[in-house]
């Protein structure tokens, strides 16, 4: 699969809640960037699906956003620790906390500099 990202992703584990109509399932990010993030989960939706996502930053700020699943890989729950399974999410819009999300990404970029 070709890597079509325009922004580098930074490894960061953050608890998220996600769902099609409202955020009801719990999972964790594996990496984040200005444009999107990867949710590690055995319960995946089809690419193209719009998800509602709630994220609490390490500083405790709430981020509510809508994202489109760009790709998904279903992995049995017992293999999830060893095989990358989940969904790549591209952010479509923020409902709350865009500034907090941007600060998080900036902090992660500065750590690598």
C-alpha atoms as a PDB file:
ATOM      1  CA  UNK A   1       0.000   0.000   0.000  1.00  0.00           C
ATOM      2  CA  UNK A   2       1.378   3.394  -0.987  1.00  0.00           C
ATOM      3  CA  UNK A   3       1.900   5.925   1.762  1.00  0.00           C
ATOM      4  CA  UNK A   4      -0.081   9.010   0.680  1.00  0.00           C
ATOM      5  CA  UNK A   5       0.452  11.028   3.858  1.00  0.00           C
ATOM      6  CA  UNK A   6       1.504  14.639   3.508  1.00  0.00           C
ATOM      7  CA  UNK A   7       2.323  15.019   7.224  1.00  0.00           C
ATOM      8  CA  UNK A   8       4.544  12.749   9.314  1.00  0.00           C
ATOM      9  CA  UNK A   9       2.814  10.768  12.033  1.00  0.00           C
ATOM     10  CA  UNK A  10       4.079  10.698  15.592  1.00  0.00           C
ATOM     11  CA  UNK A  11       3.659   7.701  17.872  1.00  0.00           C
ATOM     12  CA  UNK A  12       1.270   8.574  20.676  1.00  0.00           C
ATOM     13  CA  UNK A  13      -1.130   6.389  22.639  1.00  0.00           C
ATOM     14  CA  UNK A  14      -4.272   8.311  23.554  1.00  0.00           C
ATOM     15  CA  UNK A  15      -7.581   6.832  24.594  1.00  0.00           C
ATOM     16  CA  UNK A  16     -10.408   7.628  22.170  1.00  0.00           C
ATOM     17  CA  UNK A  17     -14.080   6.873  21.951  1.00  0.00           C
ATOM     18  CA  UNK A  18     -15.481   6.438  18.451  1.00  0.00           C
ATOM     19  CA  UNK A  19     -18.649   5.456  16.639  1.00  0.00           C
ATOM     20  CA  UNK A  20     -20.719   6.084  13.538  1.00  0.00           C
ATOM     21  CA  UNK A  21     -23.557   7.999  15.210  1.00  0.00           C
ATOM     22  CA  UNK A  22     -21.874   8.839  18.504  1.00  0.00           C
ATOM     23  CA  UNK A  23     -18.601   7.895  20.230  1.00  0.00           C
ATOM     24  CA  UNK A  24     -19.420   4.659  22.047  1.00  0.00           C
ATOM     25  CA  UNK A  25     -16.502   2.257  21.487  1.00  0.00           C
ATOM     26  CA  UNK A  26     -13.207   2.679  23.338  1.00  0.00           C
ATOM     27  CA  UNK A  27      -9.801   2.230  21.702  1.00  0.00           C
ATOM     28  CA  UNK A  28      -6.381   3.891  21.566  1.00  0.00           C
ATOM     29  CA  UNK A  29      -4.472   5.841  18.961  1.00  0.00           C
ATOM     30  CA  UNK A  30      -1.165   4.475  17.790  1.00  0.00           C
ATOM     31  CA  UNK A  31       0.025   7.595  16.034  1.00  0.00           C
ATOM     32  CA  UNK A  32      -1.252  11.095  15.267  1.00  0.00           C
ATOM     33  CA  UNK A  33      -0.572  13.879  12.759  1.00  0.00           C
ATOM     34  CA  UNK A  34      -2.115  17.225  11.848  1.00  0.00           C
ATOM     35  CA  UNK A  35      -4.319  15.498   9.268  1.00  0.00           C
ATOM     36  CA  UNK A  36      -5.345  12.319  11.075  1.00  0.00           C
ATOM     37  CA  UNK A  37      -4.471   9.372  13.280  1.00  0.00           C
ATOM     38  CA  UNK A  38      -4.545   5.592  13.533  1.00  0.00           C
ATOM     39  CA  UNK A  39      -6.987   3.871  15.894  1.00  0.00           C
ATOM     40  CA  UNK A  40      -5.803   0.417  16.996  1.00  0.00           C
ATOM     41  CA  UNK A  41      -8.895  -1.769  17.312  1.00  0.00           C
ATOM     42  CA  UNK A  42     -10.192  -5.232  16.463  1.00  0.00           C
ATOM     43  CA  UNK A  43     -13.606  -3.664  15.721  1.00  0.00           C
ATOM     44  CA  UNK A  44     -13.254  -1.803  12.439  1.00  0.00           C
ATOM     45  CA  UNK A  45     -15.665  -0.126  10.039  1.00  0.00           C
ATOM     46  CA  UNK A  46     -15.393   0.017   6.243  1.00  0.00           C
ATOM     47  CA  UNK A  47     -13.184   2.602   4.525  1.00  0.00           C
ATOM     48  CA  UNK A  48     -15.206   5.683   3.642  1.00  0.00           C
ATOM     49  CA  UNK A  49     -17.268   5.495   6.827  1.00  0.00           C
ATOM     50  CA  UNK A  50     -17.595   8.746   8.781  1.00  0.00           C
ATOM     51  CA  UNK A  51     -16.815   8.383  12.493  1.00  0.00           C
ATOM     52  CA  UNK A  52     -17.522  10.634  15.444  1.00  0.00           C
ATOM     53  CA  UNK A  53     -14.449  10.670  17.705  1.00  0.00           C
ATOM     54  CA  UNK A  54     -13.878  11.936  21.227  1.00  0.00           C
ATOM     55  CA  UNK A  55     -10.289  12.260  22.431  1.00  0.00           C
ATOM     56  CA  UNK A  56      -8.912  13.500  25.738  1.00  0.00           C
ATOM     57  CA  UNK A  57      -5.456  15.018  25.312  1.00  0.00           C
ATOM     58  CA  UNK A  58      -2.692  14.279  27.861  1.00  0.00           C
ATOM     59  CA  UNK A  59      -3.453  17.740  29.297  1.00  0.00           C
ATOM     60  CA  UNK A  60      -7.085  16.713  29.864  1.00  0.00           C
ATOM     61  CA  UNK A  61      -8.637  18.775  27.085  1.00  0.00           C
ATOM     62  CA  UNK A  62     -11.601  17.302  25.194  1.00  0.00           C
ATOM     63  CA  UNK A  63     -11.398  17.057  21.410  1.00  0.00           C
ATOM     64  CA  UNK A  64     -14.539  16.170  19.451  1.00  0.00           C
ATOM     65  CA  UNK A  65     -14.131  15.599  15.746  1.00  0.00           C
ATOM     66  CA  UNK A  66     -15.474  13.906  12.667  1.00  0.00           C
ATOM     67  CA  UNK A  67     -13.168  11.748  10.576  1.00  0.00           C
ATOM     68  CA  UNK A  68     -13.345   9.533   7.516  1.00  0.00           C
ATOM     69  CA  UNK A  69     -11.864   6.043   7.577  1.00  0.00           C
ATOM     70  CA  UNK A  70      -9.217   5.971   4.844  1.00  0.00           C
ATOM     71  CA  UNK A  71      -8.187   2.357   5.360  1.00  0.00           C
ATOM     72  CA  UNK A  72      -8.935  -0.459   7.753  1.00  0.00           C
ATOM     73  CA  UNK A  73      -7.396  -3.808   8.607  1.00  0.00           C
ATOM     74  CA  UNK A  74      -9.390  -6.306  10.619  1.00  0.00           C
ATOM     75  CA  UNK A  75      -7.270  -8.423  12.957  1.00  0.00           C
ATOM     76  CA  UNK A  76      -8.520 -11.006  15.469  1.00  0.00           C
ATOM     77  CA  UNK A  77      -8.421  -9.592  19.016  1.00  0.00           C
ATOM     78  CA  UNK A  78      -5.874 -12.205  20.139  1.00  0.00           C
ATOM     79  CA  UNK A  79      -3.389 -11.006  17.482  1.00  0.00           C
ATOM     80  CA  UNK A  80      -3.904  -7.273  17.924  1.00  0.00           C
ATOM     81  CA  UNK A  81      -0.862  -6.901  20.194  1.00  0.00           C
ATOM     82  CA  UNK A  82       1.432  -8.369  17.504  1.00  0.00           C
ATOM     83  CA  UNK A  83      -0.232  -7.323  14.226  1.00  0.00           C
ATOM     84  CA  UNK A  84      -1.248  -3.788  13.270  1.00  0.00           C
ATOM     85  CA  UNK A  85      -5.020  -3.767  13.073  1.00  0.00           C
ATOM     86  CA  UNK A  86      -7.418  -0.889  13.121  1.00  0.00           C
ATOM     87  CA  UNK A  87      -8.333   2.166  11.092  1.00  0.00           C
ATOM     88  CA  UNK A  88      -6.508   5.094   9.545  1.00  0.00           C
ATOM     89  CA  UNK A  89      -8.615   8.212  10.111  1.00  0.00           C
ATOM     90  CA  UNK A  90      -8.440  11.471   8.174  1.00  0.00           C
ATOM     91  CA  UNK A  91      -9.899  14.412  10.083  1.00  0.00           C
ATOM     92  CA  UNK A  92     -12.831  16.085   8.291  1.00  0.00           C
ATOM     93  CA  UNK A  93     -13.884  18.653  10.868  1.00  0.00           C
ATOM     94  CA  UNK A  94     -13.610  19.581  14.518  1.00  0.00           C
ATOM     95  CA  UNK A  95     -16.675  20.105  16.710  1.00  0.00           C
ATOM     96  CA  UNK A  96     -14.596  21.074  19.773  1.00  0.00           C
ATOM     97  CA  UNK A  97     -10.956  21.284  20.792  1.00  0.00           C
ATOM     98  CA  UNK A  98      -9.202  21.930  17.494  1.00  0.00           C
ATOM     99  CA  UNK A  99      -6.674  24.182  19.213  1.00  0.00           C
ATOM    100  CA  UNK A 100      -5.920  21.470  21.795  1.00  0.00           C
ATOM    101  CA  UNK A 101      -5.366  18.895  19.031  1.00  0.00           C
ATOM    102  CA  UNK A 102      -3.062  21.268  17.121  1.00  0.00           C
ATOM    103  CA  UNK A 103      -1.040  21.929  20.298  1.00  0.00           C
ATOM    104  CA  UNK A 104      -0.681  18.174  20.841  1.00  0.00           C
ATOM    105  CA  UNK A 105       0.659  17.715  17.303  1.00  0.00           C
ATOM    106  CA  UNK A 106       3.026  20.686  17.715  1.00  0.00           C
ATOM    107  CA  UNK A 107       4.380  19.251  20.984  1.00  0.00           C
ATOM    108  CA  UNK A 108       5.018  15.880  19.316  1.00  0.00           C
ATOM    109  CA  UNK A 109       6.821  17.568  16.392  1.00  0.00           C
ATOM    110  CA  UNK A 110       9.033  19.550  18.785  1.00  0.00           C
ATOM    111  CA  UNK A 111      10.067  16.384  20.640  1.00  0.00           C
ATOM    112  CA  UNK A 112      11.570  15.023  17.429  1.00  0.00           C
ATOM    113  CA  UNK A 113      13.397  18.248  16.571  1.00  0.00           C
END
